[in-house]
Amino acid sequence: MSTQPIPARTAEEYLAFERASEERHEFVNGQIRLMSGASRAHNLIAMNLSGLVHAQLKGRPCEAYSVDMRVKIAEDGRYTYPDMAVVCDEPEFEDAVFDTLLNPNALVEILSPSTGDYDRGEKFASYRNLTSLREYVLISQHRPQVEHFVRLGDGGWRFSPTEGADGLVQLVTAEIQLPLAELYDKVRFDTDGEPKTN
């Protein structure tokens, strides 16, 4: 996410601005922040994720939305763009434009060097305000590694890390399996863990 936010605006001004923009911006603490572009590895992982989830949700009531679906966290007024949102309940939207989801059951973020701390910290703290949210998944693009958080009955969260190409992540909300070998298909890593660019 950009570190140079556009001057503060209201949520209504943000939505009007965002719907007219060709770029994506998040709305945080009254400020509009331009989202940074994605790397090759990020794009490959996002496409692999979309293919895996789409194939497993065919003929089932759950819906998955890609990075262009905004999510609003009403408790703090934040608007974000997760890399994927899954909803198995009846989807609820902010208005009749149907581009801002209010009740995701699972959210997925693909980590980057500039957003990793934010996605694990401030953003996850905000997401936890969503009473509908049952799972949060963080996917590394530097090594085959997935961090999986599941909301427990007492309101706490269980953390399950999965590493290695033979790993498997199971999203219990939508009964989706994410084999890391398929999630990272075509993503090649250097010996130091950095994704190759060619």
N, C-alpha and C. Protein backbone atom coordinates (compact mmCIF):
# COMPACT_ATOMS: atom_id res chain seq x y z
N MET A 1 0.84 -1.18 0.00
CA MET A 1 0.00 0.00 0.00
C MET A 1 0.88 1.24 0.00
N SER A 2 0.44 2.29 -0.63
CA SER A 2 1.23 3.52 -0.72
C SER A 2 1.38 4.16 0.65
N THR A 3 2.53 4.80 0.88
CA THR A 3 2.74 5.53 2.12
C THR A 3 2.38 7.00 1.98
N GLN A 4 1.91 7.40 0.82
CA GLN A 4 1.54 8.80 0.58
C GLN A 4 0.03 8.88 0.31
N PRO A 5 -0.77 8.95 1.39
CA PRO A 5 -2.22 8.98 1.20
C PRO A 5 -2.70 10.28 0.59
N ILE A 6 -3.81 10.19 -0.11
CA ILE A 6 -4.51 11.36 -0.63
C ILE A 6 -5.18 12.03 0.57
N PRO A 7 -5.33 13.35 0.58
CA PRO A 7 -5.93 14.04 1.73
C PRO A 7 -7.25 13.42 2.20
N ALA A 8 -7.50 13.55 3.50
CA ALA A 8 -8.64 12.92 4.14
C ALA A 8 -9.96 13.30 3.49
N ARG A 9 -10.87 12.33 3.43
CA ARG A 9 -12.20 12.52 2.86
C ARG A 9 -13.20 11.72 3.68
N THR A 10 -14.48 11.91 3.39
CA THR A 10 -15.51 11.09 4.02
C THR A 10 -15.61 9.78 3.26
N ALA A 11 -16.28 8.80 3.86
CA ALA A 11 -16.49 7.51 3.19
C ALA A 11 -17.28 7.70 1.91
N GLU A 12 -18.25 8.59 1.93
CA GLU A 12 -19.06 8.84 0.73
C GLU A 12 -18.20 9.43 -0.39
N GLU A 13 -17.32 10.37 -0.04
CA GLU A 13 -16.42 10.95 -1.03
C GLU A 13 -15.46 9.90 -1.56
N TYR A 14 -14.98 9.04 -0.66
CA TYR A 14 -14.08 7.96 -1.09
C TYR A 14 -14.75 7.06 -2.11
N LEU A 15 -15.98 6.62 -1.83
CA LEU A 15 -16.66 5.71 -2.76
C LEU A 15 -16.88 6.36 -4.12
N ALA A 16 -17.28 7.62 -4.12
CA ALA A 16 -17.48 8.32 -5.39
C ALA A 16 -16.15 8.43 -6.14
N PHE A 17 -15.10 8.76 -5.42
CA PHE A 17 -13.76 8.86 -6.03
C PHE A 17 -13.31 7.51 -6.56
N GLU A 18 -13.50 6.47 -5.76
CA GLU A 18 -13.00 5.14 -6.12
C GLU A 18 -13.73 4.56 -7.31
N ARG A 19 -15.03 4.75 -7.35
CA ARG A 19 -15.81 4.19 -8.46
C ARG A 19 -15.52 4.88 -9.78
N ALA A 20 -14.94 6.07 -9.73
CA ALA A 20 -14.57 6.77 -10.96
C ALA A 20 -13.10 6.57 -11.31
N SER A 21 -12.35 5.91 -10.44
CA SER A 21 -10.91 5.76 -10.63
C SER A 21 -10.57 4.48 -11.39
N GLU A 22 -9.50 4.54 -12.17
CA GLU A 22 -9.00 3.34 -12.85
C GLU A 22 -8.01 2.59 -11.97
N GLU A 23 -7.59 3.19 -10.88
CA GLU A 23 -6.69 2.54 -9.93
C GLU A 23 -7.48 2.18 -8.67
N ARG A 24 -6.89 1.27 -7.88
CA ARG A 24 -7.56 0.85 -6.65
C ARG A 24 -6.94 1.56 -5.46
N HIS A 25 -7.82 1.99 -4.54
CA HIS A 25 -7.38 2.67 -3.34
C HIS A 25 -8.11 2.07 -2.14
N GLU A 26 -7.41 1.98 -1.02
CA GLU A 26 -8.05 1.61 0.23
C GLU A 26 -8.40 2.89 0.99
N PHE A 27 -9.32 2.78 1.93
CA PHE A 27 -9.75 3.92 2.73
C PHE A 27 -9.50 3.56 4.18
N VAL A 28 -8.54 4.26 4.80
CA VAL A 28 -8.10 3.92 6.15
C VAL A 28 -7.99 5.19 6.98
N ASN A 29 -8.69 5.23 8.10
CA ASN A 29 -8.62 6.38 9.01
C ASN A 29 -8.88 7.70 8.29
N GLY A 30 -9.86 7.70 7.39
CA GLY A 30 -10.23 8.92 6.70
C GLY A 30 -9.30 9.31 5.57
N GLN A 31 -8.36 8.44 5.22
CA GLN A 31 -7.41 8.75 4.15
C GLN A 31 -7.52 7.73 3.02
N ILE A 32 -7.37 8.21 1.80
CA ILE A 32 -7.41 7.36 0.61
C ILE A 32 -5.98 6.99 0.24
N ARG A 33 -5.70 5.69 0.18
CA ARG A 33 -4.34 5.22 -0.07
C ARG A 33 -4.28 4.41 -1.35
N LEU A 34 -3.43 4.82 -2.26
CA LEU A 34 -3.24 4.10 -3.52
C LEU A 34 -2.59 2.76 -3.24
N MET A 35 -3.13 1.71 -3.85
CA MET A 35 -2.56 0.38 -3.69
C MET A 35 -1.44 0.18 -4.72
N SER A 36 -0.37 -0.44 -4.28
CA SER A 36 0.77 -0.66 -5.16
C SER A 36 0.50 -1.80 -6.13
N GLY A 37 1.27 -1.84 -7.20
CA GLY A 37 1.13 -2.90 -8.18
C GLY A 37 1.64 -4.23 -7.64
N ALA A 38 1.33 -5.31 -8.35
CA ALA A 38 1.68 -6.66 -7.90
C ALA A 38 2.82 -7.22 -8.73
N SER A 39 3.64 -8.05 -8.10
CA SER A 39 4.77 -8.69 -8.76
C SER A 39 4.31 -9.87 -9.62
N ARG A 40 5.25 -10.41 -10.38
CA ARG A 40 4.95 -11.59 -11.19
C ARG A 40 4.51 -12.75 -10.30
N ALA A 41 5.26 -13.00 -9.21
CA ALA A 41 4.92 -14.10 -8.31
C ALA A 41 3.52 -13.90 -7.72
N HIS A 42 3.23 -12.67 -7.31
CA HIS A 42 1.91 -12.36 -6.76
C HIS A 42 0.82 -12.70 -7.77
N ASN A 43 1.01 -12.30 -9.01
CA ASN A 43 0.01 -12.57 -10.04
C ASN A 43 -0.16 -14.06 -10.30
N LEU A 44 0.95 -14.81 -10.35
CA LEU A 44 0.85 -16.25 -10.56
C LEU A 44 0.10 -16.93 -9.42
N ILE A 45 0.44 -16.56 -8.19
CA ILE A 45 -0.24 -17.15 -7.04
C ILE A 45 -1.72 -16.79 -7.04
N ALA A 46 -2.04 -15.54 -7.36
CA ALA A 46 -3.44 -15.11 -7.40
C ALA A 46 -4.24 -15.90 -8.43
N MET A 47 -3.66 -16.12 -9.60
CA MET A 47 -4.34 -16.89 -10.63
C MET A 47 -4.51 -18.35 -10.22
N ASN A 48 -3.47 -18.93 -9.62
CA ASN A 48 -3.56 -20.31 -9.15
C ASN A 48 -4.62 -20.45 -8.07
N LEU A 49 -4.64 -19.49 -7.15
CA LEU A 49 -5.64 -19.49 -6.08
C LEU A 49 -7.04 -19.42 -6.65
N SER A 50 -7.25 -18.50 -7.58
CA SER A 50 -8.57 -18.33 -8.20
C SER A 50 -9.02 -19.61 -8.88
N GLY A 51 -8.11 -20.26 -9.62
CA GLY A 51 -8.46 -21.49 -10.31
C GLY A 51 -8.83 -22.60 -9.35
N LEU A 52 -8.05 -22.76 -8.28
CA LEU A 52 -8.33 -23.80 -7.29
C LEU A 52 -9.68 -23.59 -6.62
N VAL A 53 -9.93 -22.36 -6.20
CA VAL A 53 -11.18 -22.07 -5.48
C VAL A 53 -12.38 -22.17 -6.41
N HIS A 54 -12.27 -21.61 -7.60
CA HIS A 54 -13.38 -21.64 -8.55
C HIS A 54 -13.79 -23.08 -8.87
N ALA A 55 -12.82 -23.94 -9.11
CA ALA A 55 -13.12 -25.33 -9.46
C ALA A 55 -13.84 -26.05 -8.33
N GLN A 56 -13.47 -25.75 -7.09
CA GLN A 56 -14.06 -26.47 -5.95
C GLN A 56 -15.41 -25.89 -5.52
N LEU A 57 -15.73 -24.69 -5.97
CA LEU A 57 -17.02 -24.09 -5.58
C LEU A 57 -18.10 -24.28 -6.64
N LYS A 58 -17.77 -24.91 -7.76
CA LYS A 58 -18.78 -25.13 -8.79
C LYS A 58 -19.95 -25.94 -8.24
N GLY A 59 -21.16 -25.45 -8.50
CA GLY A 59 -22.35 -26.16 -8.06
C GLY A 59 -22.63 -26.05 -6.58
N ARG A 60 -21.90 -25.19 -5.87
CA ARG A 60 -22.08 -25.04 -4.43
C ARG A 60 -22.50 -23.60 -4.13
N PRO A 61 -23.13 -23.36 -2.98
CA PRO A 61 -23.67 -22.02 -2.71
C PRO A 61 -22.63 -20.96 -2.38
N CYS A 62 -21.44 -21.34 -1.96
CA CYS A 62 -20.43 -20.34 -1.62
C CYS A 62 -19.98 -19.57 -2.86
N GLU A 63 -19.62 -18.30 -2.65
CA GLU A 63 -19.12 -17.47 -3.74
C GLU A 63 -17.73 -16.95 -3.37
N ALA A 64 -16.88 -16.80 -4.38
CA ALA A 64 -15.54 -16.23 -4.18
C ALA A 64 -15.39 -15.01 -5.07
N TYR A 65 -14.79 -13.96 -4.51
CA TYR A 65 -14.57 -12.72 -5.25
C TYR A 65 -13.08 -12.42 -5.29
N SER A 66 -12.64 -11.90 -6.42
CA SER A 66 -11.22 -11.60 -6.60
C SER A 66 -10.89 -10.23 -6.03
N VAL A 67 -9.71 -9.77 -6.37
CA VAL A 67 -9.14 -8.56 -5.78
C VAL A 67 -9.95 -7.29 -6.08
N ASP A 68 -10.84 -7.31 -7.04
CA ASP A 68 -11.61 -6.10 -7.36
C ASP A 68 -12.85 -5.92 -6.50
N MET A 69 -13.14 -6.85 -5.60
CA MET A 69 -14.27 -6.71 -4.69
C MET A 69 -13.78 -6.04 -3.40
N ARG A 70 -14.32 -4.88 -3.12
CA ARG A 70 -14.00 -4.18 -1.88
C ARG A 70 -14.69 -4.86 -0.70
N VAL A 71 -14.07 -4.75 0.46
CA VAL A 71 -14.68 -5.19 1.72
C VAL A 71 -14.71 -4.00 2.66
N LYS A 72 -15.86 -3.79 3.29
CA LYS A 72 -15.99 -2.70 4.27
C LYS A 72 -16.03 -3.29 5.67
N ILE A 73 -15.26 -2.70 6.57
CA ILE A 73 -15.31 -3.06 7.98
C ILE A 73 -16.04 -1.92 8.68
N ALA A 74 -17.30 -2.14 8.99
CA ALA A 74 -18.15 -1.06 9.49
C ALA A 74 -17.65 -0.49 10.82
N GLU A 75 -17.04 -1.34 11.65
CA GLU A 75 -16.63 -0.91 12.98
C GLU A 75 -15.61 0.22 12.95
N ASP A 76 -14.72 0.21 11.98
CA ASP A 76 -13.73 1.30 11.92
C ASP A 76 -13.79 2.08 10.62
N GLY A 77 -14.78 1.79 9.77
CA GLY A 77 -14.97 2.55 8.54
C GLY A 77 -13.95 2.29 7.46
N ARG A 78 -13.20 1.21 7.60
CA ARG A 78 -12.13 0.89 6.64
C ARG A 78 -12.71 0.19 5.41
N TYR A 79 -12.16 0.51 4.24
CA TYR A 79 -12.47 -0.20 3.00
C TYR A 79 -11.17 -0.80 2.48
N THR A 80 -11.17 -2.10 2.18
CA THR A 80 -9.96 -2.77 1.71
C THR A 80 -10.27 -3.62 0.48
N TYR A 81 -9.20 -4.07 -0.15
CA TYR A 81 -9.30 -4.98 -1.30
C TYR A 81 -8.49 -6.24 -0.99
N PRO A 82 -9.06 -7.24 -0.35
CA PRO A 82 -8.31 -8.48 -0.15
C PRO A 82 -8.06 -9.16 -1.50
N ASP A 83 -7.06 -10.03 -1.54
CA ASP A 83 -6.79 -10.74 -2.79
C ASP A 83 -7.91 -11.72 -3.12
N MET A 84 -8.60 -12.21 -2.11
CA MET A 84 -9.80 -13.02 -2.34
C MET A 84 -10.71 -12.94 -1.12
N ALA A 85 -12.00 -12.91 -1.37
CA ALA A 85 -13.01 -12.99 -0.31
C ALA A 85 -13.95 -14.13 -0.65
N VAL A 86 -14.26 -14.96 0.35
CA VAL A 86 -15.20 -16.07 0.16
C VAL A 86 -16.37 -15.85 1.11
N VAL A 87 -17.57 -16.01 0.60
CA VAL A 87 -18.76 -15.89 1.44
C VAL A 87 -19.67 -17.08 1.17
N CYS A 88 -20.04 -17.77 2.24
CA CYS A 88 -20.95 -18.92 2.14
C CYS A 88 -22.33 -18.59 2.69
N ASP A 89 -22.43 -17.50 3.44
CA ASP A 89 -23.73 -16.99 3.85
C ASP A 89 -24.32 -16.21 2.67
N GLU A 90 -25.53 -15.69 2.84
CA GLU A 90 -26.09 -14.83 1.80
C GLU A 90 -25.26 -13.55 1.72
N PRO A 91 -24.67 -13.23 0.56
CA PRO A 91 -23.81 -12.04 0.49
C PRO A 91 -24.59 -10.76 0.81
N GLU A 92 -23.95 -9.88 1.57
CA GLU A 92 -24.53 -8.58 1.89
C GLU A 92 -23.61 -7.50 1.33
N PHE A 93 -24.21 -6.51 0.67
CA PHE A 93 -23.43 -5.45 0.04
C PHE A 93 -23.85 -4.10 0.60
N GLU A 94 -22.96 -3.13 0.47
CA GLU A 94 -23.24 -1.81 1.04
C GLU A 94 -24.38 -1.10 0.33
N ASP A 95 -24.47 -1.27 -0.99
CA ASP A 95 -25.52 -0.61 -1.74
C ASP A 95 -25.81 -1.39 -3.02
N ALA A 96 -26.64 -0.83 -3.87
CA ALA A 96 -27.10 -1.54 -5.07
C ALA A 96 -26.06 -1.60 -6.18
N VAL A 97 -24.88 -1.06 -5.95
CA VAL A 97 -23.81 -1.20 -6.93
C VAL A 97 -23.15 -2.58 -6.81
N PHE A 98 -23.29 -3.21 -5.64
CA PHE A 98 -22.81 -4.57 -5.38
C PHE A 98 -21.30 -4.71 -5.58
N ASP A 99 -20.54 -3.70 -5.19
CA ASP A 99 -19.09 -3.79 -5.32
C ASP A 99 -18.37 -3.67 -3.98
N THR A 100 -19.15 -3.68 -2.88
CA THR A 100 -18.56 -3.58 -1.54
C THR A 100 -19.22 -4.61 -0.64
N LEU A 101 -18.48 -5.68 -0.34
CA LEU A 101 -18.99 -6.80 0.46
C LEU A 101 -18.90 -6.47 1.94
N LEU A 102 -19.93 -6.84 2.69
CA LEU A 102 -19.98 -6.55 4.12
C LEU A 102 -19.75 -7.77 5.00
N ASN A 103 -19.95 -8.98 4.47
CA ASN A 103 -19.94 -10.17 5.34
C ASN A 103 -19.10 -11.33 4.80
N PRO A 104 -17.82 -11.11 4.53
CA PRO A 104 -16.99 -12.24 4.09
C PRO A 104 -16.83 -13.27 5.19
N ASN A 105 -16.76 -14.54 4.81
CA ASN A 105 -16.49 -15.61 5.78
C ASN A 105 -15.02 -15.99 5.81
N ALA A 106 -14.33 -15.80 4.68
CA ALA A 106 -12.89 -16.05 4.62
C ALA A 106 -12.24 -14.97 3.77
N LEU A 107 -11.07 -14.52 4.19
CA LEU A 107 -10.31 -13.52 3.44
C LEU A 107 -8.90 -14.03 3.21
N VAL A 108 -8.37 -13.75 2.03
CA VAL A 108 -7.03 -14.20 1.66
C VAL A 108 -6.20 -12.99 1.22
N GLU A 109 -4.99 -12.90 1.73
CA GLU A 109 -4.04 -11.87 1.31
C GLU A 109 -2.75 -12.54 0.86
N ILE A 110 -2.20 -12.09 -0.26
CA ILE A 110 -0.89 -12.54 -0.72
C ILE A 110 0.12 -11.50 -0.25
N LEU A 111 1.05 -11.93 0.57
CA LEU A 111 1.96 -11.00 1.22
C LEU A 111 3.02 -10.46 0.26
N SER A 112 3.42 -9.23 0.49
CA SER A 112 4.54 -8.63 -0.23
C SER A 112 5.43 -7.95 0.80
N PRO A 113 6.68 -7.62 0.45
CA PRO A 113 7.56 -6.96 1.42
C PRO A 113 6.97 -5.67 1.98
N SER A 114 6.21 -4.95 1.17
CA SER A 114 5.68 -3.66 1.61
C SER A 114 4.40 -3.78 2.43
N THR A 115 3.72 -4.93 2.35
CA THR A 115 2.43 -5.05 3.04
C THR A 115 2.38 -6.15 4.10
N GLY A 116 3.44 -6.96 4.21
CA GLY A 116 3.40 -8.11 5.11
C GLY A 116 3.07 -7.76 6.55
N ASP A 117 3.79 -6.79 7.12
CA ASP A 117 3.54 -6.40 8.50
C ASP A 117 2.14 -5.82 8.66
N TYR A 118 1.72 -5.02 7.70
CA TYR A 118 0.38 -4.42 7.74
C TYR A 118 -0.71 -5.48 7.67
N ASP A 119 -0.55 -6.47 6.77
CA ASP A 119 -1.56 -7.52 6.63
C ASP A 119 -1.66 -8.39 7.88
N ARG A 120 -0.52 -8.63 8.53
CA ARG A 120 -0.53 -9.45 9.75
C ARG A 120 -1.01 -8.67 10.97
N GLY A 121 -0.74 -7.38 10.97
CA GLY A 121 -1.02 -6.57 12.14
C GLY A 121 -2.27 -5.74 12.05
N GLU A 122 -2.12 -4.50 11.59
CA GLU A 122 -3.24 -3.55 11.60
C GLU A 122 -4.43 -4.03 10.79
N LYS A 123 -4.17 -4.60 9.61
CA LYS A 123 -5.29 -5.03 8.77
C LYS A 123 -6.02 -6.21 9.40
N PHE A 124 -5.28 -7.18 9.94
CA PHE A 124 -5.92 -8.33 10.58
C PHE A 124 -6.71 -7.88 11.81
N ALA A 125 -6.19 -6.93 12.56
CA ALA A 125 -6.92 -6.41 13.72
C ALA A 125 -8.24 -5.80 13.28
N SER A 126 -8.23 -5.11 12.14
CA SER A 126 -9.46 -4.53 11.60
C SER A 126 -10.41 -5.63 11.12
N TYR A 127 -9.87 -6.59 10.38
CA TYR A 127 -10.70 -7.69 9.87
C TYR A 127 -11.38 -8.46 11.00
N ARG A 128 -10.73 -8.58 12.14
CA ARG A 128 -11.31 -9.34 13.25
C ARG A 128 -12.60 -8.71 13.77
N ASN A 129 -12.85 -7.45 13.43
CA ASN A 129 -14.12 -6.81 13.80
C ASN A 129 -15.30 -7.35 12.99
N LEU A 130 -15.02 -8.02 11.88
CA LEU A 130 -16.09 -8.60 11.06
C LEU A 130 -16.62 -9.85 11.74
N THR A 131 -17.82 -9.79 12.26
CA THR A 131 -18.37 -10.96 12.97
C THR A 131 -18.58 -12.13 12.03
N SER A 132 -18.70 -11.86 10.74
CA SER A 132 -18.89 -12.93 9.76
C SER A 132 -17.60 -13.69 9.47
N LEU A 133 -16.45 -13.08 9.76
CA LEU A 133 -15.18 -13.66 9.35
C LEU A 133 -14.82 -14.86 10.21
N ARG A 134 -14.56 -15.99 9.53
CA ARG A 134 -14.19 -17.23 10.22
C ARG A 134 -12.76 -17.65 9.94
N GLU A 135 -12.21 -17.20 8.80
CA GLU A 135 -10.85 -17.62 8.43
C GLU A 135 -10.10 -16.47 7.76
N TYR A 136 -8.81 -16.44 8.02
CA TYR A 136 -7.92 -15.45 7.41
C TYR A 136 -6.67 -16.20 6.96
N VAL A 137 -6.31 -16.00 5.69
CA VAL A 137 -5.21 -16.75 5.10
C VAL A 137 -4.19 -15.78 4.52
N LEU A 138 -2.93 -15.97 4.90
CA LEU A 138 -1.83 -15.15 4.40
C LEU A 138 -0.89 -16.05 3.60
N ILE A 139 -0.66 -15.70 2.35
CA ILE A 139 0.15 -16.51 1.45
C ILE A 139 1.46 -15.77 1.15
N SER A 140 2.58 -16.40 1.45
CA SER A 140 3.88 -15.82 1.14
C SER A 140 4.15 -15.95 -0.35
N GLN A 141 4.82 -14.96 -0.93
CA GLN A 141 5.26 -15.10 -2.31
C GLN A 141 6.76 -15.34 -2.40
N HIS A 142 7.42 -15.49 -1.24
CA HIS A 142 8.87 -15.68 -1.20
C HIS A 142 9.28 -17.12 -0.92
N ARG A 143 8.35 -17.92 -0.46
CA ARG A 143 8.60 -19.34 -0.21
C ARG A 143 7.24 -20.02 -0.12
N PRO A 144 7.17 -21.34 -0.33
CA PRO A 144 5.88 -22.03 -0.20
C PRO A 144 5.45 -22.09 1.26
N GLN A 145 4.72 -21.09 1.68
CA GLN A 145 4.32 -20.95 3.08
C GLN A 145 2.99 -20.23 3.18
N VAL A 146 2.09 -20.79 3.97
CA VAL A 146 0.77 -20.21 4.17
C VAL A 146 0.49 -20.13 5.67
N GLU A 147 0.02 -18.97 6.12
CA GLU A 147 -0.40 -18.78 7.51
C GLU A 147 -1.92 -18.78 7.53
N HIS A 148 -2.50 -19.66 8.32
CA HIS A 148 -3.95 -19.88 8.32
C HIS A 148 -4.49 -19.61 9.73
N PHE A 149 -5.42 -18.67 9.83
CA PHE A 149 -6.05 -18.34 11.10
C PHE A 149 -7.52 -18.73 11.05
N VAL A 150 -7.99 -19.44 12.07
CA VAL A 150 -9.39 -19.87 12.15
C VAL A 150 -9.99 -19.35 13.44
N ARG A 151 -11.15 -18.70 13.34
CA ARG A 151 -11.82 -18.17 14.53
C ARG A 151 -12.41 -19.31 15.34
N LEU A 152 -12.18 -19.30 16.64
CA LEU A 152 -12.70 -20.33 17.54
C LEU A 152 -14.01 -19.88 18.16
N GLY A 153 -14.69 -20.81 18.80
CA GLY A 153 -15.98 -20.51 19.41
C GLY A 153 -15.92 -19.46 20.49
N ASP A 154 -14.77 -19.33 21.16
CA ASP A 154 -14.64 -18.34 22.24
C ASP A 154 -14.18 -16.98 21.73
N GLY A 155 -14.06 -16.85 20.39
CA GLY A 155 -13.65 -15.58 19.82
C GLY A 155 -12.16 -15.47 19.56
N GLY A 156 -11.39 -16.42 20.08
CA GLY A 156 -9.96 -16.44 19.81
C GLY A 156 -9.68 -16.98 18.41
N TRP A 157 -8.41 -17.03 18.07
CA TRP A 157 -8.01 -17.50 16.74
C TRP A 157 -6.95 -18.58 16.86
N ARG A 158 -7.12 -19.66 16.09
CA ARG A 158 -6.11 -20.71 16.02
C ARG A 158 -5.21 -20.45 14.82
N PHE A 159 -3.90 -20.47 15.04
CA PHE A 159 -2.93 -20.22 13.98
C PHE A 159 -2.31 -21.53 13.54
N SER A 160 -2.33 -21.80 12.22
CA SER A 160 -1.75 -23.02 11.67
C SER A 160 -0.86 -22.66 10.48
N PRO A 161 0.46 -22.73 10.65
CA PRO A 161 1.34 -22.48 9.50
C PRO A 161 1.54 -23.76 8.69
N THR A 162 1.65 -23.61 7.39
CA THR A 162 1.93 -24.74 6.49
C THR A 162 3.07 -24.34 5.58
N GLU A 163 4.09 -25.20 5.50
CA GLU A 163 5.26 -24.89 4.68
C GLU A 163 5.62 -26.08 3.80
N GLY A 164 6.25 -25.79 2.67
CA GLY A 164 6.75 -26.83 1.79
C GLY A 164 5.79 -27.16 0.67
N ALA A 165 6.36 -27.61 -0.44
CA ALA A 165 5.55 -27.89 -1.63
C ALA A 165 4.56 -29.02 -1.43
N ASP A 166 4.80 -29.89 -0.43
CA ASP A 166 3.87 -30.99 -0.20
C ASP A 166 2.79 -30.63 0.83
N GLY A 167 2.74 -29.38 1.25
CA GLY A 167 1.76 -28.95 2.24
C GLY A 167 0.35 -28.82 1.68
N LEU A 168 -0.63 -28.85 2.57
CA LEU A 168 -2.04 -28.73 2.19
C LEU A 168 -2.75 -27.86 3.21
N VAL A 169 -3.46 -26.85 2.73
CA VAL A 169 -4.27 -25.99 3.60
C VAL A 169 -5.73 -26.27 3.32
N GLN A 170 -6.50 -26.47 4.39
CA GLN A 170 -7.92 -26.78 4.26
C GLN A 170 -8.73 -25.61 4.81
N LEU A 171 -9.50 -24.94 3.94
CA LEU A 171 -10.40 -23.89 4.39
C LEU A 171 -11.69 -24.56 4.85
N VAL A 172 -11.92 -24.55 6.16
CA VAL A 172 -13.06 -25.28 6.70
C VAL A 172 -14.38 -24.60 6.37
N THR A 173 -14.37 -23.28 6.22
CA THR A 173 -15.60 -22.55 5.94
C THR A 173 -16.27 -23.02 4.67
N ALA A 174 -15.49 -23.17 3.62
CA ALA A 174 -16.04 -23.53 2.32
C ALA A 174 -15.60 -24.92 1.86
N GLU A 175 -14.91 -25.66 2.75
CA GLU A 175 -14.42 -27.01 2.42
C GLU A 175 -13.58 -26.97 1.14
N ILE A 176 -12.61 -26.08 1.14
CA ILE A 176 -11.71 -25.91 0.00
C ILE A 176 -10.32 -26.40 0.40
N GLN A 177 -9.70 -27.16 -0.48
CA GLN A 177 -8.34 -27.62 -0.26
C GLN A 177 -7.38 -26.83 -1.14
N LEU A 178 -6.30 -26.38 -0.54
CA LEU A 178 -5.28 -25.62 -1.26
C LEU A 178 -3.94 -26.35 -1.17
N PRO A 179 -3.65 -27.25 -2.11
CA PRO A 179 -2.33 -27.90 -2.13
C PRO A 179 -1.26 -26.86 -2.50
N LEU A 180 -0.23 -26.74 -1.70
CA LEU A 180 0.77 -25.71 -1.97
C LEU A 180 1.48 -25.94 -3.30
N ALA A 181 1.62 -27.19 -3.72
CA ALA A 181 2.25 -27.46 -5.02
C ALA A 181 1.47 -26.81 -6.15
N GLU A 182 0.14 -26.78 -6.03
CA GLU A 182 -0.69 -26.15 -7.06
C GLU A 182 -0.80 -24.65 -6.85
N LEU A 183 -0.82 -24.24 -5.61
CA LEU A 183 -0.89 -22.81 -5.30
C LEU A 183 0.33 -22.07 -5.84
N TYR A 184 1.49 -22.74 -5.79
CA TYR A 184 2.74 -22.12 -6.24
C TYR A 184 3.19 -22.62 -7.61
N ASP A 185 2.28 -23.18 -8.38
CA ASP A 185 2.64 -23.66 -9.71
C ASP A 185 3.25 -22.53 -10.54
N LYS A 186 4.38 -22.80 -11.16
CA LYS A 186 5.12 -21.86 -12.02
C LYS A 186 5.85 -20.76 -11.24
N VAL A 187 5.71 -20.72 -9.92
CA VAL A 187 6.47 -19.76 -9.12
C VAL A 187 7.79 -20.42 -8.74
N ARG A 188 8.88 -19.85 -9.20
CA ARG A 188 10.21 -20.42 -8.95
C ARG A 188 10.95 -19.54 -7.95
N PHE A 189 11.67 -20.20 -7.05
CA PHE A 189 12.36 -19.48 -5.98
C PHE A 189 13.87 -19.63 -6.12
N ASP A 190 14.59 -18.56 -5.81
CA ASP A 190 16.04 -18.64 -5.70
C ASP A 190 16.40 -19.34 -4.39
N THR A 191 17.65 -19.67 -4.23
CA THR A 191 18.07 -20.35 -3.01
C THR A 191 17.90 -19.49 -1.77
N ASP A 192 17.86 -18.16 -1.95
CA ASP A 192 17.66 -17.27 -0.80
C ASP A 192 16.20 -17.00 -0.51
N GLY A 193 15.30 -17.70 -1.24
CA GLY A 193 13.88 -17.57 -0.96
C GLY A 193 13.17 -16.51 -1.75
N GLU A 194 13.90 -15.76 -2.59
CA GLU A 194 13.26 -14.72 -3.38
C GLU A 194 12.66 -15.32 -4.65
N PRO A 195 11.46 -14.90 -5.05
CA PRO A 195 10.89 -15.39 -6.31
C PRO A 195 11.76 -14.96 -7.48
N LYS A 196 11.95 -15.86 -8.44
CA LYS A 196 12.67 -15.50 -9.65
C LYS A 196 11.78 -14.63 -10.52
N THR A 197 12.38 -13.74 -11.26
CA THR A 197 11.61 -12.82 -12.10
C THR A 197 11.54 -13.26 -13.54
N ASN A 198 12.18 -14.38 -13.88
CA ASN A 198 12.12 -14.86 -15.26
C ASN A 198 12.01 -16.36 -15.30
